């Protein structure tokens, strides 16, 4: 999870058999006591569904899903959508083909 500037707030690394929606719950459980004033979280369409209700019931945060407009064709820049991608670019030193070959999730988290 990053803030609106793209600065890391927290990281959770899990195995690939855990869906992003379930991983978001792990991330929020870790972060909720550190950010008591947080009210709004932006996410892409992969996080839609029952996670929106879970956010409101569990931590009283609003999960806003940023969706692509129906009438859009081709590439469209969406607000708040590329902040995490920019952070990944910073971490990978803007190299498209750089890879992180960590073997254990425990060594991937700060």
PDB file of N, CA and C in Angstrom:
ATOM      1  N   UNK A   1       0.853  -1.167   0.000  1.00  0.00           N
ATOM      2  CA  UNK A   1       0.000   0.000   0.000  1.00  0.00           C
ATOM      3  C   UNK A   1       0.897   1.227   0.000  1.00  0.00           C
ATOM      4  N   UNK A   2       0.528   2.178  -0.837  1.00  0.00           N
ATOM      5  CA  UNK A   2       1.279   3.428  -0.934  1.00  0.00           C
ATOM      6  C   UNK A   2       0.334   4.599  -0.682  1.00  0.00           C
ATOM      7  N   UNK A   3       0.924   5.741  -0.351  1.00  0.00           N
ATOM      8  CA  UNK A   3       0.101   6.943  -0.224  1.00  0.00           C
ATOM      9  C   UNK A   3      -0.056   7.588  -1.593  1.00  0.00           C
ATOM     10  N   UNK A   4      -0.699   8.749  -1.663  1.00  0.00           N
ATOM     11  CA  UNK A   4      -0.964   9.368  -2.968  1.00  0.00           C
ATOM     12  C   UNK A   4       0.291   9.912  -3.638  1.00  0.00           C
ATOM     13  N   UNK A   5       1.389   9.986  -2.913  1.00  0.00           N
ATOM     14  CA  UNK A   5       2.663  10.372  -3.517  1.00  0.00           C
ATOM     15  C   UNK A   5       3.434   9.165  -4.039  1.00  0.00           C
ATOM     16  N   UNK A   6       2.977   7.970  -3.694  1.00  0.00           N
ATOM     17  CA  UNK A   6       3.669   6.765  -4.111  1.00  0.00           C
ATOM     18  C   UNK A   6       4.664   6.253  -3.091  1.00  0.00           C
ATOM     19  N   UNK A   7       4.656   6.818  -1.892  1.00  0.00           N
ATOM     20  CA  UNK A   7       5.570   6.382  -0.842  1.00  0.00           C
ATOM     21  C   UNK A   7       4.979   5.165  -0.125  1.00  0.00           C
ATOM     22  N   UNK A   8       5.808   4.165   0.126  1.00  0.00           N
ATOM     23  CA  UNK A   8       5.330   2.929   0.736  1.00  0.00           C
ATOM     24  C   UNK A   8       4.810   3.148   2.145  1.00  0.00           C
ATOM     25  N   UNK A   9       3.642   2.590   2.422  1.00  0.00           N
ATOM     26  CA  UNK A   9       3.089   2.587   3.771  1.00  0.00           C
ATOM     27  C   UNK A   9       3.339   1.235   4.427  1.00  0.00           C
ATOM     28  N   UNK A  10       3.051   0.176   3.713  1.00  0.00           N
ATOM     29  CA  UNK A  10       3.330  -1.171   4.203  1.00  0.00           C
ATOM     30  C   UNK A  10       3.359  -2.143   3.037  1.00  0.00           C
ATOM     31  N   UNK A  11       3.970  -3.300   3.274  1.00  0.00           N
ATOM     32  CA  UNK A  11       4.099  -4.335   2.258  1.00  0.00           C
ATOM     33  C   UNK A  11       3.738  -5.671   2.891  1.00  0.00           C
ATOM     34  N   UNK A  12       2.976  -6.464   2.168  1.00  0.00           N
ATOM     35  CA  UNK A  12       2.705  -7.840   2.566  1.00  0.00           C
ATOM     36  C   UNK A  12       3.022  -8.724   1.373  1.00  0.00           C
ATOM     37  N   UNK A  13       3.898  -9.686   1.571  1.00  0.00           N
ATOM     38  CA  UNK A  13       4.248 -10.638   0.515  1.00  0.00           C
ATOM     39  C   UNK A  13       3.618 -11.969   0.886  1.00  0.00           C
ATOM     40  N   UNK A  14       2.862 -12.517  -0.043  1.00  0.00           N
ATOM     41  CA  UNK A  14       2.217 -13.810   0.197  1.00  0.00           C
ATOM     42  C   UNK A  14       2.420 -14.696  -1.018  1.00  0.00           C
ATOM     43  N   UNK A  15       2.048 -15.945  -0.893  1.00  0.00           N
ATOM     44  CA  UNK A  15       2.224 -16.883  -2.002  1.00  0.00           C
ATOM     45  C   UNK A  15       1.252 -16.549  -3.129  1.00  0.00           C
ATOM     46  N   UNK A  16       1.515 -17.073  -4.299  1.00  0.00           N
ATOM     47  CA  UNK A  16       0.716 -16.721  -5.470  1.00  0.00           C
ATOM     48  C   UNK A  16      -0.669 -17.366  -5.453  1.00  0.00           C
ATOM     49  N   UNK A  17      -0.934 -18.290  -4.552  1.00  0.00           N
ATOM     50  CA  UNK A  17      -2.263 -18.888  -4.489  1.00  0.00           C
ATOM     51  C   UNK A  17      -3.242 -18.067  -3.647  1.00  0.00           C
ATOM     52  N   UNK A  18      -2.805 -16.935  -3.134  1.00  0.00           N
ATOM     53  CA  UNK A  18      -3.677 -16.026  -2.381  1.00  0.00           C
ATOM     54  C   UNK A  18      -4.133 -14.923  -3.323  1.00  0.00           C
ATOM     55  N   UNK A  19      -5.452 -14.747  -3.450  1.00  0.00           N
ATOM     56  CA  UNK A  19      -5.989 -13.712  -4.333  1.00  0.00           C
ATOM     57  C   UNK A  19      -5.651 -12.327  -3.802  1.00  0.00           C
ATOM     58  N   UNK A  20      -5.592 -11.349  -4.693  1.00  0.00           N
ATOM     59  CA  UNK A  20      -5.286  -9.977  -4.288  1.00  0.00           C
ATOM     60  C   UNK A  20      -6.282  -9.453  -3.265  1.00  0.00           C
ATOM     61  N   UNK A  21      -7.557  -9.790  -3.425  1.00  0.00           N
ATOM     62  CA  UNK A  21      -8.570  -9.322  -2.467  1.00  0.00           C
ATOM     63  C   UNK A  21      -8.286  -9.857  -1.066  1.00  0.00           C
ATOM     64  N   UNK A  22      -7.866 -11.112  -0.968  1.00  0.00           N
ATOM     65  CA  UNK A  22      -7.547 -11.689   0.340  1.00  0.00           C
ATOM     66  C   UNK A  22      -6.240 -11.117   0.883  1.00  0.00           C
ATOM     67  N   UNK A  23      -5.288 -10.857   0.002  1.00  0.00           N
ATOM     68  CA  UNK A  23      -4.038 -10.227   0.414  1.00  0.00           C
ATOM     69  C   UNK A  23      -4.254  -8.817   0.916  1.00  0.00           C
ATOM     70  N   UNK A  24      -5.243  -8.129   0.358  1.00  0.00           N
ATOM     71  CA  UNK A  24      -5.565  -6.773   0.824  1.00  0.00           C
ATOM     72  C   UNK A  24      -6.043  -6.806   2.263  1.00  0.00           C
ATOM     73  N   UNK A  25      -6.757  -7.835   2.637  1.00  0.00           N
ATOM     74  CA  UNK A  25      -7.218  -7.957   4.030  1.00  0.00           C
ATOM     75  C   UNK A  25      -6.030  -8.123   4.968  1.00  0.00           C
ATOM     76  N   UNK A  26      -5.041  -8.922   4.560  1.00  0.00           N
ATOM     77  CA  UNK A  26      -3.831  -9.092   5.369  1.00  0.00           C
ATOM     78  C   UNK A  26      -3.107  -7.759   5.524  1.00  0.00           C
ATOM     79  N   UNK A  27      -3.042  -7.016   4.438  1.00  0.00           N
ATOM     80  CA  UNK A  27      -2.352  -5.734   4.437  1.00  0.00           C
ATOM     81  C   UNK A  27      -3.053  -4.726   5.345  1.00  0.00           C
ATOM     82  N   UNK A  28      -4.364  -4.666   5.257  1.00  0.00           N
ATOM     83  CA  UNK A  28      -5.133  -3.709   6.061  1.00  0.00           C
ATOM     84  C   UNK A  28      -5.059  -4.064   7.541  1.00  0.00           C
ATOM     85  N   UNK A  29      -5.105  -5.356   7.860  1.00  0.00           N
ATOM     86  CA  UNK A  29      -5.001  -5.765   9.267  1.00  0.00           C
ATOM     87  C   UNK A  29      -3.677  -5.304   9.873  1.00  0.00           C
ATOM     88  N   UNK A  30      -2.624  -5.332   9.066  1.00  0.00           N
ATOM     89  CA  UNK A  30      -1.307  -4.910   9.536  1.00  0.00           C
ATOM     90  C   UNK A  30      -1.230  -3.390   9.691  1.00  0.00           C
ATOM     91  N   UNK A  31      -1.964  -2.667   8.870  1.00  0.00           N
ATOM     92  CA  UNK A  31      -1.805  -1.217   8.786  1.00  0.00           C
ATOM     93  C   UNK A  31      -2.801  -0.415   9.615  1.00  0.00           C
ATOM     94  N   UNK A  32      -3.943  -0.993   9.956  1.00  0.00           N
ATOM     95  CA  UNK A  32      -5.033  -0.195  10.531  1.00  0.00           C
ATOM     96  C   UNK A  32      -4.678   0.520  11.831  1.00  0.00           C
ATOM     97  N   UNK A  33      -3.835  -0.055  12.667  1.00  0.00           N
ATOM     98  CA  UNK A  33      -3.511   0.619  13.927  1.00  0.00           C
ATOM     99  C   UNK A  33      -2.492   1.748  13.733  1.00  0.00           C
ATOM    100  N   UNK A  34      -1.777   1.770  12.605  1.00  0.00           N
ATOM    101  CA  UNK A  34      -0.788   2.818  12.359  1.00  0.00           C
ATOM    102  C   UNK A  34      -1.370   4.058  11.690  1.00  0.00           C
ATOM    103  N   UNK A  35      -2.513   3.902  11.030  1.00  0.00           N
ATOM    104  CA  UNK A  35      -3.121   5.030  10.316  1.00  0.00           C
ATOM    105  C   UNK A  35      -4.565   5.238  10.762  1.00  0.00           C
ATOM    106  N   UNK A  36      -4.775   5.689  11.974  1.00  0.00           N
ATOM    107  CA  UNK A  36      -6.151   5.823  12.476  1.00  0.00           C
ATOM    108  C   UNK A  36      -6.965   6.906  11.770  1.00  0.00           C
ATOM    109  N   UNK A  37      -6.317   7.863  11.123  1.00  0.00           N
ATOM    110  CA  UNK A  37      -7.040   8.962  10.467  1.00  0.00           C
ATOM    111  C   UNK A  37      -7.344   8.684   9.007  1.00  0.00           C
ATOM    112  N   UNK A  38      -6.902   7.562   8.489  1.00  0.00           N
ATOM    113  CA  UNK A  38      -7.149   7.224   7.084  1.00  0.00           C
ATOM    114  C   UNK A  38      -8.644   6.998   6.862  1.00  0.00           C
ATOM    115  N   UNK A  39      -9.167   7.561   5.763  1.00  0.00           N
ATOM    116  CA  UNK A  39     -10.596   7.419   5.482  1.00  0.00           C
ATOM    117  C   UNK A  39     -10.873   6.849   4.100  1.00  0.00           C
ATOM    118  N   UNK A  40      -9.999   7.112   3.134  1.00  0.00           N
ATOM    119  CA  UNK A  40     -10.284   6.749   1.746  1.00  0.00           C
ATOM    120  C   UNK A  40      -9.117   5.975   1.154  1.00  0.00           C
ATOM    121  N   UNK A  41      -9.425   4.849   0.531  1.00  0.00           N
ATOM    122  CA  UNK A  41      -8.418   4.012  -0.129  1.00  0.00           C
ATOM    123  C   UNK A  41      -8.867   3.809  -1.569  1.00  0.00           C
ATOM    124  N   UNK A  42      -7.962   4.031  -2.539  1.00  0.00           N
ATOM    125  CA  UNK A  42      -8.260   3.803  -3.941  1.00  0.00           C
ATOM    126  C   UNK A  42      -7.746   2.433  -4.348  1.00  0.00           C
ATOM    127  N   UNK A  43      -8.513   1.741  -5.194  1.00  0.00           N
ATOM    128  CA  UNK A  43      -8.103   0.429  -5.696  1.00  0.00           C
ATOM    129  C   UNK A  43      -8.645   0.248  -7.106  1.00  0.00           C
ATOM    130  N   UNK A  44      -8.068  -0.715  -7.846  1.00  0.00           N
ATOM    131  CA  UNK A  44      -8.579  -0.978  -9.189  1.00  0.00           C
ATOM    132  C   UNK A  44      -9.714  -1.998  -9.127  1.00  0.00           C
ATOM    133  N   UNK A  45     -10.258  -2.326 -10.282  1.00  0.00           N
ATOM    134  CA  UNK A  45     -11.438  -3.175 -10.364  1.00  0.00           C
ATOM    135  C   UNK A  45     -11.263  -4.576  -9.796  1.00  0.00           C
ATOM    136  N   UNK A  46     -10.040  -5.063  -9.687  1.00  0.00           N
ATOM    137  CA  UNK A  46      -9.800  -6.391  -9.138  1.00  0.00           C
ATOM    138  C   UNK A  46     -10.161  -6.505  -7.674  1.00  0.00           C
ATOM    139  N   UNK A  47     -10.334  -5.386  -7.007  1.00  0.00           N
ATOM    140  CA  UNK A  47     -10.663  -5.374  -5.585  1.00  0.00           C
ATOM    141  C   UNK A  47     -12.142  -5.099  -5.334  1.00  0.00           C
ATOM    142  N   UNK A  48     -12.941  -5.024  -6.382  1.00  0.00           N
ATOM    143  CA  UNK A  48     -14.375  -4.757  -6.232  1.00  0.00           C
ATOM    144  C   UNK A  48     -15.073  -5.972  -5.628  1.00  0.00           C
ATOM    145  N   UNK A  49     -16.293  -5.752  -5.196  1.00  0.00           N
ATOM    146  CA  UNK A  49     -17.077  -6.849  -4.631  1.00  0.00           C
ATOM    147  C   UNK A  49     -17.208  -6.729  -3.129  1.00  0.00           C
ATOM    148  N   UNK A  50     -17.145  -7.875  -2.460  1.00  0.00           N
ATOM    149  CA  UNK A  50     -17.391  -7.893  -1.012  1.00  0.00           C
ATOM    150  C   UNK A  50     -16.277  -7.215  -0.219  1.00  0.00           C
ATOM    151  N   UNK A  51     -15.120  -6.971  -0.838  1.00  0.00           N
ATOM    152  CA  UNK A  51     -14.035  -6.289  -0.126  1.00  0.00           C
ATOM    153  C   UNK A  51     -14.425  -4.863   0.243  1.00  0.00           C
ATOM    154  N   UNK A  52     -15.252  -4.224  -0.575  1.00  0.00           N
ATOM    155  CA  UNK A  52     -15.702  -2.860  -0.287  1.00  0.00           C
ATOM    156  C   UNK A  52     -16.470  -2.845   1.029  1.00  0.00           C
ATOM    157  N   UNK A  53     -17.371  -3.798   1.205  1.00  0.00           N
ATOM    158  CA  UNK A  53     -18.139  -3.886   2.450  1.00  0.00           C
ATOM    159  C   UNK A  53     -17.238  -4.255   3.621  1.00  0.00           C
ATOM    160  N   UNK A  54     -16.290  -5.170   3.385  1.00  0.00           N
ATOM    161  CA  UNK A  54     -15.366  -5.584   4.445  1.00  0.00           C
ATOM    162  C   UNK A  54     -14.566  -4.391   4.960  1.00  0.00           C
ATOM    163  N   UNK A  55     -14.104  -3.536   4.057  1.00  0.00           N
ATOM    164  CA  UNK A  55     -13.356  -2.336   4.451  1.00  0.00           C
ATOM    165  C   UNK A  55     -14.199  -1.473   5.386  1.00  0.00           C
ATOM    166  N   UNK A  56     -15.443  -1.248   4.992  1.00  0.00           N
ATOM    167  CA  UNK A  56     -16.290  -0.367   5.794  1.00  0.00           C
ATOM    168  C   UNK A  56     -16.615  -0.986   7.151  1.00  0.00           C
ATOM    169  N   UNK A  57     -16.917  -2.268   7.176  1.00  0.00           N
ATOM    170  CA  UNK A  57     -17.296  -2.929   8.424  1.00  0.00           C
ATOM    171  C   UNK A  57     -16.117  -3.114   9.374  1.00  0.00           C
ATOM    172  N   UNK A  58     -14.944  -3.432   8.838  1.00  0.00           N
ATOM    173  CA  UNK A  58     -13.805  -3.784   9.669  1.00  0.00           C
ATOM    174  C   UNK A  58     -13.022  -2.573  10.156  1.00  0.00           C
ATOM    175  N   UNK A  59     -12.671  -1.673   9.243  1.00  0.00           N
ATOM    176  CA  UNK A  59     -11.806  -0.545   9.621  1.00  0.00           C
ATOM    177  C   UNK A  59     -12.439   0.819   9.418  1.00  0.00           C
ATOM    178  N   UNK A  60     -13.691   0.833   8.959  1.00  0.00           N
ATOM    179  CA  UNK A  60     -14.420   2.087   8.727  1.00  0.00           C
ATOM    180  C   UNK A  60     -13.748   2.984   7.694  1.00  0.00           C
ATOM    181  N   UNK A  61     -13.075   2.369   6.730  1.00  0.00           N
ATOM    182  CA  UNK A  61     -12.484   3.101   5.617  1.00  0.00           C
ATOM    183  C   UNK A  61     -13.377   2.940   4.398  1.00  0.00           C
ATOM    184  N   UNK A  62     -13.334   3.913   3.504  1.00  0.00           N
ATOM    185  CA  UNK A  62     -14.060   3.829   2.247  1.00  0.00           C
ATOM    186  C   UNK A  62     -13.108   3.314   1.178  1.00  0.00           C
ATOM    187  N   UNK A  63     -13.475   2.228   0.527  1.00  0.00           N
ATOM    188  CA  UNK A  63     -12.687   1.679  -0.579  1.00  0.00           C
ATOM    189  C   UNK A  63     -13.313   2.154  -1.870  1.00  0.00           C
ATOM    190  N   UNK A  64     -12.620   3.043  -2.580  1.00  0.00           N
ATOM    191  CA  UNK A  64     -13.115   3.612  -3.819  1.00  0.00           C
ATOM    192  C   UNK A  64     -12.478   2.857  -4.985  1.00  0.00           C
ATOM    193  N   UNK A  65     -13.301   2.235  -5.814  1.00  0.00           N
ATOM    194  CA  UNK A  65     -12.816   1.476  -6.958  1.00  0.00           C
ATOM    195  C   UNK A  65     -12.704   2.414  -8.156  1.00  0.00           C
ATOM    196  N   UNK A  66     -11.501   2.543  -8.705  1.00  0.00           N
ATOM    197  CA  UNK A  66     -11.258   3.391  -9.876  1.00  0.00           C
ATOM    198  C   UNK A  66     -11.459   2.530 -11.107  1.00  0.00           C
ATOM    199  N   UNK A  67     -12.513   2.819 -11.873  1.00  0.00           N
ATOM    200  CA  UNK A  67     -12.861   2.005 -13.036  1.00  0.00           C
ATOM    201  C   UNK A  67     -12.594   2.754 -14.326  1.00  0.00           C
ATOM    202  N   UNK A  68     -12.356   1.986 -15.351  1.00  0.00           N
ATOM    203  CA  UNK A  68     -12.176   2.523 -16.699  1.00  0.00           C
ATOM    204  C   UNK A  68     -13.549   2.942 -17.240  1.00  0.00           C
ATOM    205  N   UNK A  69     -13.621   4.114 -17.866  1.00  0.00           N
ATOM    206  CA  UNK A  69     -14.910   4.553 -18.423  1.00  0.00           C
ATOM    207  C   UNK A  69     -15.407   3.585 -19.507  1.00  0.00           C
ATOM    208  N   UNK A  70     -16.701   3.352 -19.558  1.00  0.00           N
ATOM    209  CA  UNK A  70     -17.291   2.421 -20.522  1.00  0.00           C
ATOM    210  C   UNK A  70     -17.032   2.837 -21.968  1.00  0.00           C
ATOM    211  N   UNK A  71     -17.088   4.130 -22.245  1.00  0.00           N
ATOM    212  CA  UNK A  71     -16.958   4.624 -23.613  1.00  0.00           C
ATOM    213  C   UNK A  71     -15.497   4.762 -24.063  1.00  0.00           C
ATOM    214  N   UNK A  72     -14.543   4.508 -23.205  1.00  0.00           N
ATOM    215  CA  UNK A  72     -13.124   4.700 -23.533  1.00  0.00           C
ATOM    216  C   UNK A  72     -12.632   3.624 -24.503  1.00  0.00           C
ATOM    217  N   UNK A  73     -11.808   4.051 -25.442  1.00  0.00           N
ATOM    218  CA  UNK A  73     -11.144   3.122 -26.358  1.00  0.00           C
ATOM    219  C   UNK A  73      -9.656   3.406 -26.306  1.00  0.00           C
ATOM    220  N   UNK A  74      -8.851   2.355 -26.366  1.00  0.00           N
ATOM    221  CA  UNK A  74      -7.408   2.529 -26.300  1.00  0.00           C
ATOM    222  C   UNK A  74      -6.950   2.843 -24.885  1.00  0.00           C
ATOM    223  N   UNK A  75      -5.752   3.392 -24.787  1.00  0.00           N
ATOM    224  CA  UNK A  75      -5.169   3.696 -23.487  1.00  0.00           C
ATOM    225  C   UNK A  75      -5.798   4.955 -22.905  1.00  0.00           C
ATOM    226  N   UNK A  76      -6.189   4.885 -21.641  1.00  0.00           N
ATOM    227  CA  UNK A  76      -6.773   6.023 -20.931  1.00  0.00           C
ATOM    228  C   UNK A  76      -6.083   6.135 -19.578  1.00  0.00           C
ATOM    229  N   UNK A  77      -5.591   7.329 -19.270  1.00  0.00           N
ATOM    230  CA  UNK A  77      -4.989   7.556 -17.965  1.00  0.00           C
ATOM    231  C   UNK A  77      -6.115   7.740 -16.957  1.00  0.00           C
ATOM    232  N   UNK A  78      -6.088   6.909 -15.925  1.00  0.00           N
ATOM    233  CA  UNK A  78      -7.115   6.988 -14.896  1.00  0.00           C
ATOM    234  C   UNK A  78      -6.539   7.646 -13.650  1.00  0.00           C
ATOM    235  N   UNK A  79      -7.324   8.485 -12.979  1.00  0.00           N
ATOM    236  CA  UNK A  79      -6.808   9.150 -11.781  1.00  0.00           C
ATOM    237  C   UNK A  79      -6.501   8.144 -10.679  1.00  0.00           C
ATOM    238  N   UNK A  80      -5.396   8.353  -9.988  1.00  0.00           N
ATOM    239  CA  UNK A  80      -4.968   7.546  -8.840  1.00  0.00           C
ATOM    240  C   UNK A  80      -4.611   6.108  -9.200  1.00  0.00           C
ATOM    241  N   UNK A  81      -4.638   5.734 -10.456  1.00  0.00           N
ATOM    242  CA  UNK A  81      -4.470   4.328 -10.840  1.00  0.00           C
ATOM    243  C   UNK A  81      -3.014   3.928 -10.975  1.00  0.00           C
ATOM    244  N   UNK A  82      -2.141   4.833 -11.387  1.00  0.00           N
ATOM    245  CA  UNK A  82      -0.765   4.471 -11.703  1.00  0.00           C
ATOM    246  C   UNK A  82       0.212   4.808 -10.577  1.00  0.00           C
ATOM    247  N   UNK A  83      -0.282   5.145  -9.427  1.00  0.00           N
ATOM    248  CA  UNK A  83       0.601   5.522  -8.318  1.00  0.00           C
ATOM    249  C   UNK A  83       1.445   4.330  -7.871  1.00  0.00           C
ATOM    250  N   UNK A  84       0.841   3.168  -7.723  1.00  0.00           N
ATOM    251  CA  UNK A  84       1.584   1.972  -7.310  1.00  0.00           C
ATOM    252  C   UNK A  84       2.566   1.560  -8.389  1.00  0.00           C
ATOM    253  N   UNK A  85       2.164   1.655  -9.646  1.00  0.00           N
ATOM    254  CA  UNK A  85       3.064   1.289 -10.745  1.00  0.00           C
ATOM    255  C   UNK A  85       4.304   2.188 -10.754  1.00  0.00           C
ATOM    256  N   UNK A  86       4.104   3.461 -10.454  1.00  0.00           N
ATOM    257  CA  UNK A  86       5.244   4.383 -10.390  1.00  0.00           C
ATOM    258  C   UNK A  86       6.179   3.985  -9.254  1.00  0.00           C
ATOM    259  N   UNK A  87       5.626   3.562  -8.132  1.00  0.00           N
ATOM    260  CA  UNK A  87       6.450   3.108  -7.018  1.00  0.00           C
ATOM    261  C   UNK A  87       7.262   1.886  -7.407  1.00  0.00           C
ATOM    262  N   UNK A  88       6.644   0.931  -8.116  1.00  0.00           N
ATOM    263  CA  UNK A  88       7.381  -0.241  -8.604  1.00  0.00           C
ATOM    264  C   UNK A  88       8.514   0.177  -9.537  1.00  0.00           C
ATOM    265  N   UNK A  89       8.271   1.202 -10.358  1.00  0.00           N
ATOM    266  CA  UNK A  89       9.327   1.700 -11.249  1.00  0.00           C
ATOM    267  C   UNK A  89      10.481   2.276 -10.447  1.00  0.00           C
ATOM    268  N   UNK A  90      10.174   3.008  -9.377  1.00  0.00           N
ATOM    269  CA  UNK A  90      11.234   3.544  -8.519  1.00  0.00           C
ATOM    270  C   UNK A  90      12.054   2.413  -7.912  1.00  0.00           C
ATOM    271  N   UNK A  91      11.362   1.403  -7.388  1.00  0.00           N
ATOM    272  CA  UNK A  91      12.054   0.294  -6.736  1.00  0.00           C
ATOM    273  C   UNK A  91      12.902  -0.509  -7.716  1.00  0.00           C
ATOM    274  N   UNK A  92      12.422  -0.642  -8.948  1.00  0.00           N
ATOM    275  CA  UNK A  92      13.166  -1.380  -9.970  1.00  0.00           C
ATOM    276  C   UNK A  92      14.125  -0.516 -10.753  1.00  0.00           C
ATOM    277  N   UNK A  93      14.347   0.701 -10.303  1.00  0.00           N
ATOM    278  CA  UNK A  93      15.250   1.663 -10.928  1.00  0.00           C
ATOM    279  C   UNK A  93      14.910   1.901 -12.400  1.00  0.00           C
ATOM    280  N   UNK A  94      13.603   1.913 -12.707  1.00  0.00           N
ATOM    281  CA  UNK A  94      13.071   2.204 -14.043  1.00  0.00           C
ATOM    282  C   UNK A  94      13.542   1.218 -15.103  1.00  0.00           C
ATOM    283  N   UNK A  95      13.939   0.036 -14.719  1.00  0.00           N
ATOM    284  CA  UNK A  95      14.372  -0.977 -15.679  1.00  0.00           C
ATOM    285  C   UNK A  95      13.239  -1.959 -15.903  1.00  0.00           C
ATOM    286  N   UNK A  96      12.789  -2.073 -17.138  1.00  0.00           N
ATOM    287  CA  UNK A  96      11.640  -2.910 -17.463  1.00  0.00           C
ATOM    288  C   UNK A  96      11.880  -4.382 -17.166  1.00  0.00           C
ATOM    289  N   UNK A  97      13.096  -4.844 -17.380  1.00  0.00           N
ATOM    290  CA  UNK A  97      13.359  -6.269 -17.264  1.00  0.00           C
ATOM    291  C   UNK A  97      14.092  -6.647 -15.986  1.00  0.00           C
ATOM    292  N   UNK A  98      14.112  -5.765 -15.010  1.00  0.00           N
ATOM    293  CA  UNK A  98      14.751  -6.121 -13.745  1.00  0.00           C
ATOM    294  C   UNK A  98      13.819  -7.047 -12.972  1.00  0.00           C
ATOM    295  N   UNK A  99      14.403  -8.000 -12.295  1.00  0.00           N
ATOM    296  CA  UNK A  99      13.627  -8.967 -11.523  1.00  0.00           C
ATOM    297  C   UNK A  99      14.190  -9.073 -10.114  1.00  0.00           C
ATOM    298  N   UNK A 100      13.328  -9.432  -9.196  1.00  0.00           N
ATOM    299  CA  UNK A 100      13.720  -9.679  -7.821  1.00  0.00           C
ATOM    300  C   UNK A 100      13.629 -11.182  -7.604  1.00  0.00           C
ATOM    301  N   UNK A 101      14.725 -11.824  -7.323  1.00  0.00           N
ATOM    302  CA  UNK A 101      14.758 -13.271  -7.211  1.00  0.00           C
ATOM    303  C   UNK A 101      14.803 -13.744  -5.765  1.00  0.00           C
ATOM    304  N   UNK A 102      14.039 -13.128  -4.901  1.00  0.00           N
ATOM    305  CA  UNK A 102      13.943 -13.578  -3.525  1.00  0.00           C
ATOM    306  C   UNK A 102      13.247 -14.933  -3.496  1.00  0.00           C
ATOM    307  N   UNK A 103      13.725 -15.847  -2.658  1.00  0.00           N
ATOM    308  CA  UNK A 103      13.111 -17.169  -2.590  1.00  0.00           C
ATOM    309  C   UNK A 103      12.080 -17.289  -1.486  1.00  0.00           C
ATOM    310  N   UNK A 104      12.215 -16.527  -0.420  1.00  0.00           N
ATOM    311  CA  UNK A 104      11.296 -16.621   0.707  1.00  0.00           C
ATOM    312  C   UNK A 104      10.552 -15.302   0.890  1.00  0.00           C
ATOM    313  N   UNK A 105       9.246 -15.357   1.126  1.00  0.00           N
ATOM    314  CA  UNK A 105       8.493 -14.102   1.348  1.00  0.00           C
ATOM    315  C   UNK A 105       9.024 -13.291   2.523  1.00  0.00           C
ATOM    316  N   UNK A 106       9.544 -13.963   3.540  1.00  0.00           N
ATOM    317  CA  UNK A 106      10.045 -13.260   4.724  1.00  0.00           C
ATOM    318  C   UNK A 106      11.202 -12.318   4.391  1.00  0.00           C
ATOM    319  N   UNK A 107      11.999 -12.657   3.378  1.00  0.00           N
ATOM    320  CA  UNK A 107      13.122 -11.796   3.021  1.00  0.00           C
ATOM    321  C   UNK A 107      12.722 -10.695   2.049  1.00  0.00           C
ATOM    322  N   UNK A 108      11.499 -10.714   1.557  1.00  0.00           N
ATOM    323  CA  UNK A 108      11.025  -9.694   0.622  1.00  0.00           C
ATOM    324  C   UNK A 108      10.377  -8.516   1.326  1.00  0.00           C
ATOM    325  N   UNK A 109       9.906  -8.724   2.539  1.00  0.00           N
ATOM    326  CA  UNK A 109       9.250  -7.646   3.272  1.00  0.00           C
ATOM    327  C   UNK A 109      10.263  -6.894   4.101  1.00  0.00           C
ATOM    328  N   UNK A 110      10.089  -5.558   4.207  1.00  0.00           N
ATOM    329  CA  UNK A 110      11.028  -4.781   5.023  1.00  0.00           C
ATOM    330  C   UNK A 110      10.852  -5.047   6.499  1.00  0.00           C
TER     331      UNK A 110
END
